[in-house]
């Protein structure tokens, strides 16, 4: 019985860890004009701009736009920063599928969602 319980605990912990890393990779916005790379930092998940279709005065590759995202059950909570501005918003990341990432940004009592696609 102890072996079965140990196996179940190990399986559940391993499964949760694997799910938490599922957002790691490159993602493209719905317009196809911007790509970010989500990676695991020391304490949280971060995202930086890696490609822009058109040069933007406020955004450039290397800018950190996703900060302090923590995995909680089936989604990630953190902050989104608009490049070149001091606006910081609460946000959620949810995987709709392996290749579809819903980014939901909150502003006061309103929210806005966009679905980004994974870049292979």
PDB file of N, CA and C in Angstrom:
ATOM      1  N   UNK A   1       0.816  -1.194   0.000  1.00  0.00           N
ATOM      2  CA  UNK A   1       0.000   0.000   0.000  1.00  0.00           C
ATOM      3  C   UNK A   1       0.860   1.259   0.000  1.00  0.00           C
ATOM      4  N   UNK A   2       1.966   1.267   0.774  1.00  0.00           N
ATOM      5  CA  UNK A   2       2.856   2.423   0.826  1.00  0.00           C
ATOM      6  C   UNK A   2       3.467   2.700  -0.540  1.00  0.00           C
ATOM      7  N   UNK A   3       3.755   1.651  -1.283  1.00  0.00           N
ATOM      8  CA  UNK A   3       4.332   1.816  -2.628  1.00  0.00           C
ATOM      9  C   UNK A   3       3.332   2.507  -3.543  1.00  0.00           C
ATOM     10  N   UNK A   4       2.096   2.107  -3.461  1.00  0.00           N
ATOM     11  CA  UNK A   4       1.061   2.720  -4.313  1.00  0.00           C
ATOM     12  C   UNK A   4       0.888   4.192  -3.959  1.00  0.00           C
ATOM     13  N   UNK A   5       0.827   4.504  -2.683  1.00  0.00           N
ATOM     14  CA  UNK A   5       0.676   5.902  -2.250  1.00  0.00           C
ATOM     15  C   UNK A   5       1.886   6.722  -2.677  1.00  0.00           C
ATOM     16  N   UNK A   6       3.087   6.179  -2.506  1.00  0.00           N
ATOM     17  CA  UNK A   6       4.302   6.873  -2.928  1.00  0.00           C
ATOM     18  C   UNK A   6       4.290   7.129  -4.426  1.00  0.00           C
ATOM     19  N   UNK A   7       3.870   6.141  -5.201  1.00  0.00           N
ATOM     20  CA  UNK A   7       3.792   6.299  -6.648  1.00  0.00           C
ATOM     21  C   UNK A   7       2.806   7.400  -7.024  1.00  0.00           C
ATOM     22  N   UNK A   8       1.643   7.407  -6.386  1.00  0.00           N
ATOM     23  CA  UNK A   8       0.623   8.418  -6.682  1.00  0.00           C
ATOM     24  C   UNK A   8       1.117   9.825  -6.343  1.00  0.00           C
ATOM     25  N   UNK A   9       1.778   9.970  -5.207  1.00  0.00           N
ATOM     26  CA  UNK A   9       2.330  11.283  -4.828  1.00  0.00           C
ATOM     27  C   UNK A   9       3.382  11.712  -5.839  1.00  0.00           C
ATOM     28  N   UNK A  10       4.286  10.817  -6.202  1.00  0.00           N
ATOM     29  CA  UNK A  10       5.323  11.132  -7.177  1.00  0.00           C
ATOM     30  C   UNK A  10       4.709  11.503  -8.519  1.00  0.00           C
ATOM     31  N   UNK A  11       3.707  10.736  -8.963  1.00  0.00           N
ATOM     32  CA  UNK A  11       3.048  10.998 -10.239  1.00  0.00           C
ATOM     33  C   UNK A  11       2.362  12.362 -10.233  1.00  0.00           C
ATOM     34  N   UNK A  12       1.653  12.695  -9.179  1.00  0.00           N
ATOM     35  CA  UNK A  12       0.935  13.968  -9.093  1.00  0.00           C
ATOM     36  C   UNK A  12       1.898  15.146  -9.062  1.00  0.00           C
ATOM     37  N   UNK A  13       2.977  15.051  -8.298  1.00  0.00           N
ATOM     38  CA  UNK A  13       3.962  16.129  -8.240  1.00  0.00           C
ATOM     39  C   UNK A  13       4.625  16.289  -9.599  1.00  0.00           C
ATOM     40  N   UNK A  14       5.005  15.199 -10.235  1.00  0.00           N
ATOM     41  CA  UNK A  14       5.619  15.262 -11.556  1.00  0.00           C
ATOM     42  C   UNK A  14       4.681  15.830 -12.596  1.00  0.00           C
ATOM     43  N   UNK A  15       3.405  15.482 -12.535  1.00  0.00           N
ATOM     44  CA  UNK A  15       2.416  15.971 -13.482  1.00  0.00           C
ATOM     45  C   UNK A  15       2.220  17.476 -13.331  1.00  0.00           C
ATOM     46  N   UNK A  16       2.147  17.953 -12.094  1.00  0.00           N
ATOM     47  CA  UNK A  16       1.959  19.383 -11.863  1.00  0.00           C
ATOM     48  C   UNK A  16       3.165  20.165 -12.372  1.00  0.00           C
ATOM     49  N   UNK A  17       4.377  19.681 -12.136  1.00  0.00           N
ATOM     50  CA  UNK A  17       5.574  20.352 -12.612  1.00  0.00           C
ATOM     51  C   UNK A  17       5.587  20.407 -14.129  1.00  0.00           C
ATOM     52  N   UNK A  18       5.239  19.308 -14.786  1.00  0.00           N
ATOM     53  CA  UNK A  18       5.223  19.280 -16.245  1.00  0.00           C
ATOM     54  C   UNK A  18       4.213  20.275 -16.779  1.00  0.00           C
ATOM     55  N   UNK A  19       3.038  20.373 -16.172  1.00  0.00           N
ATOM     56  CA  UNK A  19       2.029  21.318 -16.614  1.00  0.00           C
ATOM     57  C   UNK A  19       2.480  22.755 -16.426  1.00  0.00           C
ATOM     58  N   UNK A  20       3.177  23.045 -15.350  1.00  0.00           N
ATOM     59  CA  UNK A  20       3.591  24.416 -15.084  1.00  0.00           C
ATOM     60  C   UNK A  20       4.578  24.925 -16.136  1.00  0.00           C
ATOM     61  N   UNK A  21       5.354  24.051 -16.743  1.00  0.00           N
ATOM     62  CA  UNK A  21       6.316  24.450 -17.772  1.00  0.00           C
ATOM     63  C   UNK A  21       5.715  24.457 -19.183  1.00  0.00           C
ATOM     64  N   UNK A  22       4.457  24.138 -19.315  1.00  0.00           N
ATOM     65  CA  UNK A  22       3.842  24.007 -20.640  1.00  0.00           C
ATOM     66  C   UNK A  22       3.800  25.309 -21.428  1.00  0.00           C
ATOM     67  N   UNK A  23       3.915  26.459 -20.786  1.00  0.00           N
ATOM     68  CA  UNK A  23       3.869  27.735 -21.509  1.00  0.00           C
ATOM     69  C   UNK A  23       5.240  28.165 -22.032  1.00  0.00           C
ATOM     70  N   UNK A  24       6.288  27.449 -21.650  1.00  0.00           N
ATOM     71  CA  UNK A  24       7.633  27.812 -22.093  1.00  0.00           C
ATOM     72  C   UNK A  24       7.721  27.673 -23.614  1.00  0.00           C
ATOM     73  N   UNK A  25       8.269  28.693 -24.258  1.00  0.00           N
ATOM     74  CA  UNK A  25       8.436  28.686 -25.710  1.00  0.00           C
ATOM     75  C   UNK A  25       8.142  30.051 -26.301  1.00  0.00           C
ATOM     76  N   UNK A  26       8.084  30.090 -27.633  1.00  0.00           N
ATOM     77  CA  UNK A  26       7.799  31.344 -28.330  1.00  0.00           C
ATOM     78  C   UNK A  26       6.350  31.380 -28.782  1.00  0.00           C
ATOM     79  N   UNK A  27       5.753  32.571 -28.679  1.00  0.00           N
ATOM     80  CA  UNK A  27       4.348  32.787 -28.987  1.00  0.00           C
ATOM     81  C   UNK A  27       4.194  34.023 -29.865  1.00  0.00           C
ATOM     82  N   UNK A  28       3.233  33.957 -30.796  1.00  0.00           N
ATOM     83  CA  UNK A  28       2.976  35.072 -31.708  1.00  0.00           C
ATOM     84  C   UNK A  28       1.584  35.634 -31.454  1.00  0.00           C
ATOM     85  N   UNK A  29       1.467  36.970 -31.490  1.00  0.00           N
ATOM     86  CA  UNK A  29       0.171  37.606 -31.230  1.00  0.00           C
ATOM     87  C   UNK A  29      -0.789  37.360 -32.404  1.00  0.00           C
ATOM     88  N   UNK A  30      -2.092  37.627 -32.210  1.00  0.00           N
ATOM     89  CA  UNK A  30      -3.083  37.335 -33.258  1.00  0.00           C
ATOM     90  C   UNK A  30      -2.837  38.071 -34.578  1.00  0.00           C
ATOM     91  N   UNK A  31      -2.239  39.257 -34.518  1.00  0.00           N
ATOM     92  CA  UNK A  31      -1.962  40.035 -35.733  1.00  0.00           C
ATOM     93  C   UNK A  31      -0.734  39.538 -36.488  1.00  0.00           C
ATOM     94  N   UNK A  32       0.090  38.724 -35.834  1.00  0.00           N
ATOM     95  CA  UNK A  32       1.329  38.260 -36.448  1.00  0.00           C
ATOM     96  C   UNK A  32       2.403  39.329 -36.495  1.00  0.00           C
ATOM     97  N   UNK A  33       2.311  40.320 -35.589  1.00  0.00           N
ATOM     98  CA  UNK A  33       3.256  41.440 -35.607  1.00  0.00           C
ATOM     99  C   UNK A  33       4.263  41.427 -34.462  1.00  0.00           C
ATOM    100  N   UNK A  34       4.079  40.509 -33.510  1.00  0.00           N
ATOM    101  CA  UNK A  34       4.960  40.484 -32.344  1.00  0.00           C
ATOM    102  C   UNK A  34       5.102  39.051 -31.840  1.00  0.00           C
ATOM    103  N   UNK A  35       6.306  38.723 -31.388  1.00  0.00           N
ATOM    104  CA  UNK A  35       6.558  37.420 -30.779  1.00  0.00           C
ATOM    105  C   UNK A  35       7.224  37.630 -29.427  1.00  0.00           C
ATOM    106  N   UNK A  36       6.799  36.798 -28.479  1.00  0.00           N
ATOM    107  CA  UNK A  36       7.439  36.804 -27.169  1.00  0.00           C
ATOM    108  C   UNK A  36       7.968  35.411 -26.880  1.00  0.00           C
ATOM    109  N   UNK A  37       8.950  35.367 -26.031  1.00  0.00           N
ATOM    110  CA  UNK A  37       9.460  34.084 -25.543  1.00  0.00           C
ATOM    111  C   UNK A  37       9.196  34.015 -24.053  1.00  0.00           C
ATOM    112  N   UNK A  38       8.510  32.958 -23.635  1.00  0.00           N
ATOM    113  CA  UNK A  38       8.247  32.746 -22.215  1.00  0.00           C
ATOM    114  C   UNK A  38       9.275  31.743 -21.712  1.00  0.00           C
ATOM    115  N   UNK A  39       9.904  32.086 -20.593  1.00  0.00           N
ATOM    116  CA  UNK A  39      10.937  31.227 -20.020  1.00  0.00           C
ATOM    117  C   UNK A  39      10.806  31.214 -18.508  1.00  0.00           C
ATOM    118  N   UNK A  40      11.471  30.277 -17.896  1.00  0.00           N
ATOM    119  CA  UNK A  40      11.406  30.124 -16.439  1.00  0.00           C
ATOM    120  C   UNK A  40      12.587  30.835 -15.804  1.00  0.00           C
ATOM    121  N   UNK A  41      12.277  31.800 -14.948  1.00  0.00           N
ATOM    122  CA  UNK A  41      13.310  32.491 -14.189  1.00  0.00           C
ATOM    123  C   UNK A  41      13.587  31.736 -12.898  1.00  0.00           C
ATOM    124  N   UNK A  42      14.282  32.377 -11.980  1.00  0.00           N
ATOM    125  CA  UNK A  42      14.604  31.728 -10.706  1.00  0.00           C
ATOM    126  C   UNK A  42      13.364  31.434  -9.866  1.00  0.00           C
ATOM    127  N   UNK A  43      12.403  32.382  -9.849  1.00  0.00           N
ATOM    128  CA  UNK A  43      11.243  32.222  -8.982  1.00  0.00           C
ATOM    129  C   UNK A  43       9.915  32.277  -9.721  1.00  0.00           C
ATOM    130  N   UNK A  44       9.927  32.626 -11.009  1.00  0.00           N
ATOM    131  CA  UNK A  44       8.669  32.803 -11.736  1.00  0.00           C
ATOM    132  C   UNK A  44       8.921  32.694 -13.235  1.00  0.00           C
ATOM    133  N   UNK A  45       7.825  32.709 -13.990  1.00  0.00           N
ATOM    134  CA  UNK A  45       7.907  32.706 -15.452  1.00  0.00           C
ATOM    135  C   UNK A  45       7.920  34.141 -15.944  1.00  0.00           C
ATOM    136  N   UNK A  46       8.744  34.379 -16.965  1.00  0.00           N
ATOM    137  CA  UNK A  46       8.905  35.709 -17.548  1.00  0.00           C
ATOM    138  C   UNK A  46       8.701  35.610 -19.055  1.00  0.00           C
ATOM    139  N   UNK A  47       8.436  36.746 -19.680  1.00  0.00           N
ATOM    140  CA  UNK A  47       8.307  36.773 -21.124  1.00  0.00           C
ATOM    141  C   UNK A  47       8.973  38.011 -21.688  1.00  0.00           C
ATOM    142  N   UNK A  48       9.729  37.830 -22.765  1.00  0.00           N
ATOM    143  CA  UNK A  48      10.399  38.977 -23.381  1.00  0.00           C
ATOM    144  C   UNK A  48      10.062  39.041 -24.864  1.00  0.00           C
ATOM    145  N   UNK A  49      10.110  40.226 -25.411  1.00  0.00           N
ATOM    146  CA  UNK A  49       9.899  40.440 -26.836  1.00  0.00           C
ATOM    147  C   UNK A  49      11.114  39.870 -27.566  1.00  0.00           C
ATOM    148  N   UNK A  50      10.864  39.024 -28.590  1.00  0.00           N
ATOM    149  CA  UNK A  50      11.981  38.472 -29.365  1.00  0.00           C
ATOM    150  C   UNK A  50      11.927  38.876 -30.833  1.00  0.00           C
ATOM    151  N   UNK A  51      10.766  39.375 -31.286  1.00  0.00           N
ATOM    152  CA  UNK A  51      10.641  39.740 -32.699  1.00  0.00           C
ATOM    153  C   UNK A  51       9.490  40.714 -32.884  1.00  0.00           C
ATOM    154  N   UNK A  52       9.716  41.703 -33.732  1.00  0.00           N
ATOM    155  CA  UNK A  52       8.679  42.672 -34.103  1.00  0.00           C
ATOM    156  C   UNK A  52       8.656  42.781 -35.618  1.00  0.00           C
ATOM    157  N   UNK A  53       7.478  42.703 -36.212  1.00  0.00           N
ATOM    158  CA  UNK A  53       7.360  42.812 -37.668  1.00  0.00           C
ATOM    159  C   UNK A  53       7.716  44.218 -38.130  1.00  0.00           C
ATOM    160  N   UNK A  54       7.261  45.194 -37.374  1.00  0.00           N
ATOM    161  CA  UNK A  54       7.508  46.601 -37.688  1.00  0.00           C
ATOM    162  C   UNK A  54       8.216  47.221 -36.494  1.00  0.00           C
ATOM    163  N   UNK A  55       9.213  48.028 -36.780  1.00  0.00           N
ATOM    164  CA  UNK A  55       9.933  48.688 -35.698  1.00  0.00           C
ATOM    165  C   UNK A  55       8.964  49.596 -34.942  1.00  0.00           C
ATOM    166  N   UNK A  56       8.966  49.451 -33.621  1.00  0.00           N
ATOM    167  CA  UNK A  56       8.092  50.260 -32.771  1.00  0.00           C
ATOM    168  C   UNK A  56       8.960  51.167 -31.907  1.00  0.00           C
ATOM    169  N   UNK A  57       8.523  52.411 -31.718  1.00  0.00           N
ATOM    170  CA  UNK A  57       9.350  53.326 -30.928  1.00  0.00           C
ATOM    171  C   UNK A  57       9.463  52.945 -29.455  1.00  0.00           C
ATOM    172  N   UNK A  58       8.442  52.259 -28.919  1.00  0.00           N
ATOM    173  CA  UNK A  58       8.447  51.944 -27.491  1.00  0.00           C
ATOM    174  C   UNK A  58       8.851  50.511 -27.175  1.00  0.00           C
ATOM    175  N   UNK A  59       8.804  49.612 -28.143  1.00  0.00           N
ATOM    176  CA  UNK A  59       9.121  48.200 -27.889  1.00  0.00           C
ATOM    177  C   UNK A  59      10.339  47.789 -28.704  1.00  0.00           C
ATOM    178  N   UNK A  60      11.153  46.944 -28.091  1.00  0.00           N
ATOM    179  CA  UNK A  60      12.315  46.415 -28.811  1.00  0.00           C
ATOM    180  C   UNK A  60      12.610  45.011 -28.307  1.00  0.00           C
ATOM    181  N   UNK A  61      13.239  44.190 -29.134  1.00  0.00           N
ATOM    182  CA  UNK A  61      13.598  42.844 -28.684  1.00  0.00           C
ATOM    183  C   UNK A  61      14.417  42.909 -27.390  1.00  0.00           C
ATOM    184  N   UNK A  62      14.072  42.027 -26.472  1.00  0.00           N
ATOM    185  CA  UNK A  62      14.741  41.977 -25.179  1.00  0.00           C
ATOM    186  C   UNK A  62      13.924  42.587 -24.058  1.00  0.00           C
ATOM    187  N   UNK A  63      12.919  43.409 -24.395  1.00  0.00           N
ATOM    188  CA  UNK A  63      12.058  44.003 -23.368  1.00  0.00           C
ATOM    189  C   UNK A  63      11.280  42.909 -22.633  1.00  0.00           C
ATOM    190  N   UNK A  64      11.307  42.942 -21.314  1.00  0.00           N
ATOM    191  CA  UNK A  64      10.514  42.016 -20.505  1.00  0.00           C
ATOM    192  C   UNK A  64       9.097  42.585 -20.416  1.00  0.00           C
ATOM    193  N   UNK A  65       8.127  41.811 -20.899  1.00  0.00           N
ATOM    194  CA  UNK A  65       6.730  42.263 -20.890  1.00  0.00           C
ATOM    195  C   UNK A  65       5.849  41.410 -19.976  1.00  0.00           C
ATOM    196  N   UNK A  66       6.256  40.194 -19.688  1.00  0.00           N
ATOM    197  CA  UNK A  66       5.545  39.328 -18.744  1.00  0.00           C
ATOM    198  C   UNK A  66       6.451  39.140 -17.536  1.00  0.00           C
ATOM    199  N   UNK A  67       5.913  39.359 -16.353  1.00  0.00           N
ATOM    200  CA  UNK A  67       6.760  39.306 -15.167  1.00  0.00           C
ATOM    201  C   UNK A  67       6.038  38.619 -14.010  1.00  0.00           C
ATOM    202  N   UNK A  68       6.798  37.842 -13.272  1.00  0.00           N
ATOM    203  CA  UNK A  68       6.339  37.227 -12.023  1.00  0.00           C
ATOM    204  C   UNK A  68       5.094  36.345 -12.190  1.00  0.00           C
ATOM    205  N   UNK A  69       5.051  35.542 -13.245  1.00  0.00           N
ATOM    206  CA  UNK A  69       3.921  34.634 -13.445  1.00  0.00           C
ATOM    207  C   UNK A  69       4.137  33.363 -12.636  1.00  0.00           C
ATOM    208  N   UNK A  70       3.165  33.051 -11.801  1.00  0.00           N
ATOM    209  CA  UNK A  70       3.187  31.882 -10.931  1.00  0.00           C
ATOM    210  C   UNK A  70       2.102  30.911 -11.377  1.00  0.00           C
ATOM    211  N   UNK A  71       2.430  29.624 -11.387  1.00  0.00           N
ATOM    212  CA  UNK A  71       1.468  28.598 -11.777  1.00  0.00           C
ATOM    213  C   UNK A  71       0.546  28.287 -10.609  1.00  0.00           C
ATOM    214  N   UNK A  72      -0.780  28.291 -10.884  1.00  0.00           N
ATOM    215  CA  UNK A  72      -1.782  27.980  -9.863  1.00  0.00           C
ATOM    216  C   UNK A  72      -2.839  27.071 -10.470  1.00  0.00           C
ATOM    217  N   UNK A  73      -2.758  25.800 -10.190  1.00  0.00           N
ATOM    218  CA  UNK A  73      -3.707  24.788 -10.672  1.00  0.00           C
ATOM    219  C   UNK A  73      -3.683  24.656 -12.190  1.00  0.00           C
ATOM    220  N   UNK A  74      -4.413  25.490 -12.919  1.00  0.00           N
ATOM    221  CA  UNK A  74      -4.493  25.337 -14.371  1.00  0.00           C
ATOM    222  C   UNK A  74      -4.176  26.626 -15.131  1.00  0.00           C
ATOM    223  N   UNK A  75      -3.656  27.625 -14.429  1.00  0.00           N
ATOM    224  CA  UNK A  75      -3.336  28.887 -15.091  1.00  0.00           C
ATOM    225  C   UNK A  75      -2.166  29.561 -14.372  1.00  0.00           C
ATOM    226  N   UNK A  76      -1.679  30.643 -14.959  1.00  0.00           N
ATOM    227  CA  UNK A  76      -0.557  31.393 -14.420  1.00  0.00           C
ATOM    228  C   UNK A  76      -1.029  32.821 -14.139  1.00  0.00           C
ATOM    229  N   UNK A  77      -0.697  33.374 -12.984  1.00  0.00           N
ATOM    230  CA  UNK A  77      -1.008  34.755 -12.599  1.00  0.00           C
ATOM    231  C   UNK A  77       0.270  35.565 -12.577  1.00  0.00           C
ATOM    232  N   UNK A  78       0.197  36.806 -13.063  1.00  0.00           N
ATOM    233  CA  UNK A  78       1.364  37.665 -13.016  1.00  0.00           C
ATOM    234  C   UNK A  78       1.046  39.068 -13.471  1.00  0.00           C
ATOM    235  N   UNK A  79       2.057  39.737 -13.983  1.00  0.00           N
ATOM    236  CA  UNK A  79       1.944  41.137 -14.398  1.00  0.00           C
ATOM    237  C   UNK A  79       2.396  41.289 -15.850  1.00  0.00           C
ATOM    238  N   UNK A  80       1.711  42.179 -16.568  1.00  0.00           N
ATOM    239  CA  UNK A  80       2.105  42.540 -17.933  1.00  0.00           C
ATOM    240  C   UNK A  80       2.467  44.012 -17.936  1.00  0.00           C
ATOM    241  N   UNK A  81       3.594  44.332 -18.557  1.00  0.00           N
ATOM    242  CA  UNK A  81       4.061  45.705 -18.682  1.00  0.00           C
ATOM    243  C   UNK A  81       4.021  46.101 -20.151  1.00  0.00           C
ATOM    244  N   UNK A  82       3.498  47.274 -20.428  1.00  0.00           N
ATOM    245  CA  UNK A  82       3.532  47.786 -21.796  1.00  0.00           C
ATOM    246  C   UNK A  82       4.934  48.337 -22.044  1.00  0.00           C
ATOM    247  N   UNK A  83       5.595  47.905 -23.126  1.00  0.00           N
ATOM    248  CA  UNK A  83       6.967  48.361 -23.388  1.00  0.00           C
ATOM    249  C   UNK A  83       7.060  49.881 -23.482  1.00  0.00           C
ATOM    250  N   UNK A  84       8.078  50.438 -22.828  1.00  0.00           N
ATOM    251  CA  UNK A  84       8.327  51.865 -22.882  1.00  0.00           C
ATOM    252  C   UNK A  84       7.384  52.702 -22.037  1.00  0.00           C
ATOM    253  N   UNK A  85       6.491  52.077 -21.300  1.00  0.00           N
ATOM    254  CA  UNK A  85       5.540  52.809 -20.467  1.00  0.00           C
ATOM    255  C   UNK A  85       5.591  52.263 -19.049  1.00  0.00           C
ATOM    256  N   UNK A  86       4.976  52.982 -18.147  1.00  0.00           N
ATOM    257  CA  UNK A  86       4.980  52.535 -16.753  1.00  0.00           C
ATOM    258  C   UNK A  86       3.693  51.814 -16.389  1.00  0.00           C
ATOM    259  N   UNK A  87       2.871  51.491 -17.370  1.00  0.00           N
ATOM    260  CA  UNK A  87       1.612  50.793 -17.095  1.00  0.00           C
ATOM    261  C   UNK A  87       1.876  49.311 -16.820  1.00  0.00           C
ATOM    262  N   UNK A  88       1.411  48.850 -15.669  1.00  0.00           N
ATOM    263  CA  UNK A  88       1.542  47.449 -15.291  1.00  0.00           C
ATOM    264  C   UNK A  88       0.136  46.940 -14.977  1.00  0.00           C
ATOM    265  N   UNK A  89      -0.213  45.794 -15.567  1.00  0.00           N
ATOM    266  CA  UNK A  89      -1.546  45.241 -15.403  1.00  0.00           C
ATOM    267  C   UNK A  89      -1.463  43.819 -14.848  1.00  0.00           C
ATOM    268  N   UNK A  90      -2.440  43.443 -14.037  1.00  0.00           N
ATOM    269  CA  UNK A  90      -2.573  42.049 -13.626  1.00  0.00           C
ATOM    270  C   UNK A  90      -3.021  41.247 -14.841  1.00  0.00           C
ATOM    271  N   UNK A  91      -2.578  40.002 -14.914  1.00  0.00           N
ATOM    272  CA  UNK A  91      -2.926  39.176 -16.066  1.00  0.00           C
ATOM    273  C   UNK A  91      -2.948  37.701 -15.695  1.00  0.00           C
ATOM    274  N   UNK A  92      -3.634  36.938 -16.539  1.00  0.00           N
ATOM    275  CA  UNK A  92      -3.681  35.472 -16.440  1.00  0.00           C
ATOM    276  C   UNK A  92      -3.282  34.886 -17.778  1.00  0.00           C
ATOM    277  N   UNK A  93      -2.578  33.783 -17.716  1.00  0.00           N
ATOM    278  CA  UNK A  93      -2.252  32.999 -18.904  1.00  0.00           C
ATOM    279  C   UNK A  93      -2.920  31.647 -18.746  1.00  0.00           C
ATOM    280  N   UNK A  94      -3.617  31.201 -19.796  1.00  0.00           N
ATOM    281  CA  UNK A  94      -4.262  29.883 -19.790  1.00  0.00           C
ATOM    282  C   UNK A  94      -4.007  29.211 -21.130  1.00  0.00           C
ATOM    283  N   UNK A  95      -3.628  27.957 -21.065  1.00  0.00           N
ATOM    284  CA  UNK A  95      -3.467  27.190 -22.301  1.00  0.00           C
ATOM    285  C   UNK A  95      -4.834  26.668 -22.738  1.00  0.00           C
ATOM    286  N   UNK A  96      -5.235  27.043 -23.946  1.00  0.00           N
ATOM    287  CA  UNK A  96      -6.464  26.483 -24.515  1.00  0.00           C
ATOM    288  C   UNK A  96      -6.162  25.128 -25.132  1.00  0.00           C
ATOM    289  N   UNK A  97      -4.953  25.007 -25.652  1.00  0.00           N
ATOM    290  CA  UNK A  97      -4.428  23.752 -26.191  1.00  0.00           C
ATOM    291  C   UNK A  97      -2.916  23.876 -26.130  1.00  0.00           C
ATOM    292  N   UNK A  98      -2.218  22.873 -26.595  1.00  0.00           N
ATOM    293  CA  UNK A  98      -0.755  22.924 -26.571  1.00  0.00           C
ATOM    294  C   UNK A  98      -0.217  24.130 -27.343  1.00  0.00           C
ATOM    295  N   UNK A  99      -0.933  24.540 -28.405  1.00  0.00           N
ATOM    296  CA  UNK A  99      -0.448  25.600 -29.291  1.00  0.00           C
ATOM    297  C   UNK A  99      -1.243  26.899 -29.226  1.00  0.00           C
ATOM    298  N   UNK A 100      -2.129  27.035 -28.263  1.00  0.00           N
ATOM    299  CA  UNK A 100      -2.956  28.245 -28.121  1.00  0.00           C
ATOM    300  C   UNK A 100      -2.889  28.737 -26.675  1.00  0.00           C
ATOM    301  N   UNK A 101      -2.450  29.984 -26.512  1.00  0.00           N
ATOM    302  CA  UNK A 101      -2.298  30.594 -25.198  1.00  0.00           C
ATOM    303  C   UNK A 101      -3.218  31.803 -25.092  1.00  0.00           C
ATOM    304  N   UNK A 102      -4.128  31.731 -24.147  1.00  0.00           N
ATOM    305  CA  UNK A 102      -5.029  32.864 -23.894  1.00  0.00           C
ATOM    306  C   UNK A 102      -4.365  33.787 -22.881  1.00  0.00           C
ATOM    307  N   UNK A 103      -4.237  35.054 -23.262  1.00  0.00           N
ATOM    308  CA  UNK A 103      -3.686  36.070 -22.370  1.00  0.00           C
ATOM    309  C   UNK A 103      -4.835  37.002 -21.997  1.00  0.00           C
ATOM    310  N   UNK A 104      -5.144  37.062 -20.716  1.00  0.00           N
ATOM    311  CA  UNK A 104      -6.246  37.896 -20.232  1.00  0.00           C
ATOM    312  C   UNK A 104      -5.663  38.972 -19.329  1.00  0.00           C
ATOM    313  N   UNK A 105      -5.914  40.233 -19.698  1.00  0.00           N
ATOM    314  CA  UNK A 105      -5.381  41.382 -18.972  1.00  0.00           C
ATOM    315  C   UNK A 105      -6.526  42.073 -18.236  1.00  0.00           C
ATOM    316  N   UNK A 106      -6.283  42.429 -16.987  1.00  0.00           N
ATOM    317  CA  UNK A 106      -7.301  43.067 -16.154  1.00  0.00           C
ATOM    318  C   UNK A 106      -6.970  44.540 -15.934  1.00  0.00           C
ATOM    319  N   UNK A 107      -8.006  45.370 -16.050  1.00  0.00           N
ATOM    320  CA  UNK A 107      -7.873  46.795 -15.763  1.00  0.00           C
ATOM    321  C   UNK A 107      -9.112  47.203 -14.981  1.00  0.00           C
ATOM    322  N   UNK A 108      -8.938  47.510 -13.699  1.00  0.00           N
ATOM    323  CA  UNK A 108     -10.050  47.798 -12.786  1.00  0.00           C
ATOM    324  C   UNK A 108     -11.042  46.634 -12.833  1.00  0.00           C
ATOM    325  N   UNK A 109     -12.285  46.873 -13.242  1.00  0.00           N
ATOM    326  CA  UNK A 109     -13.264  45.783 -13.290  1.00  0.00           C
ATOM    327  C   UNK A 109     -13.504  45.288 -14.717  1.00  0.00           C
ATOM    328  N   UNK A 110     -12.612  45.625 -15.626  1.00  0.00           N
ATOM    329  CA  UNK A 110     -12.708  45.172 -17.018  1.00  0.00           C
ATOM    330  C   UNK A 110     -11.562  44.213 -17.325  1.00  0.00           C
ATOM    331  N   UNK A 111     -11.743  43.436 -18.384  1.00  0.00           N
ATOM    332  CA  UNK A 111     -10.658  42.563 -18.832  1.00  0.00           C
ATOM    333  C   UNK A 111     -10.715  42.437 -20.347  1.00  0.00           C
ATOM    334  N   UNK A 112      -9.600  42.026 -20.917  1.00  0.00           N
ATOM    335  CA  UNK A 112      -9.504  41.826 -22.361  1.00  0.00           C
ATOM    336  C   UNK A 112      -8.670  40.577 -22.610  1.00  0.00           C
ATOM    337  N   UNK A 113      -9.134  39.750 -23.559  1.00  0.00           N
ATOM    338  CA  UNK A 113      -8.442  38.493 -23.873  1.00  0.00           C
ATOM    339  C   UNK A 113      -7.945  38.514 -25.313  1.00  0.00           C
ATOM    340  N   UNK A 114      -6.799  37.873 -25.495  1.00  0.00           N
ATOM    341  CA  UNK A 114      -6.272  37.598 -26.837  1.00  0.00           C
ATOM    342  C   UNK A 114      -5.676  36.195 -26.803  1.00  0.00           C
ATOM    343  N   UNK A 115      -5.750  35.519 -27.933  1.00  0.00           N
ATOM    344  CA  UNK A 115      -5.196  34.170 -28.029  1.00  0.00           C
ATOM    345  C   UNK A 115      -3.972  34.223 -28.939  1.00  0.00           C
ATOM    346  N   UNK A 116      -2.841  33.846 -28.375  1.00  0.00           N
ATOM    347  CA  UNK A 116      -1.571  33.811 -29.097  1.00  0.00           C
ATOM    348  C   UNK A 116      -1.324  32.372 -29.546  1.00  0.00           C
ATOM    349  N   UNK A 117      -0.564  32.206 -30.622  1.00  0.00           N
ATOM    350  CA  UNK A 117      -0.248  30.849 -31.106  1.00  0.00           C
ATOM    351  C   UNK A 117       1.236  30.547 -30.900  1.00  0.00           C
ATOM    352  N   UNK A 118       1.490  29.274 -30.644  1.00  0.00           N
ATOM    353  CA  UNK A 118       2.874  28.820 -30.415  1.00  0.00           C
ATOM    354  C   UNK A 118       3.645  28.825 -31.729  1.00  0.00           C
ATOM    355  N   UNK A 119       4.891  29.257 -31.661  1.00  0.00           N
ATOM    356  CA  UNK A 119       5.807  29.211 -32.799  1.00  0.00           C
ATOM    357  C   UNK A 119       6.658  27.949 -32.637  1.00  0.00           C
ATOM    358  N   UNK A 120       6.605  27.051 -33.618  1.00  0.00           N
ATOM    359  CA  UNK A 120       7.382  25.795 -33.472  1.00  0.00           C
ATOM    360  C   UNK A 120       8.890  26.032 -33.501  1.00  0.00           C
TER     361      UNK A 120
END
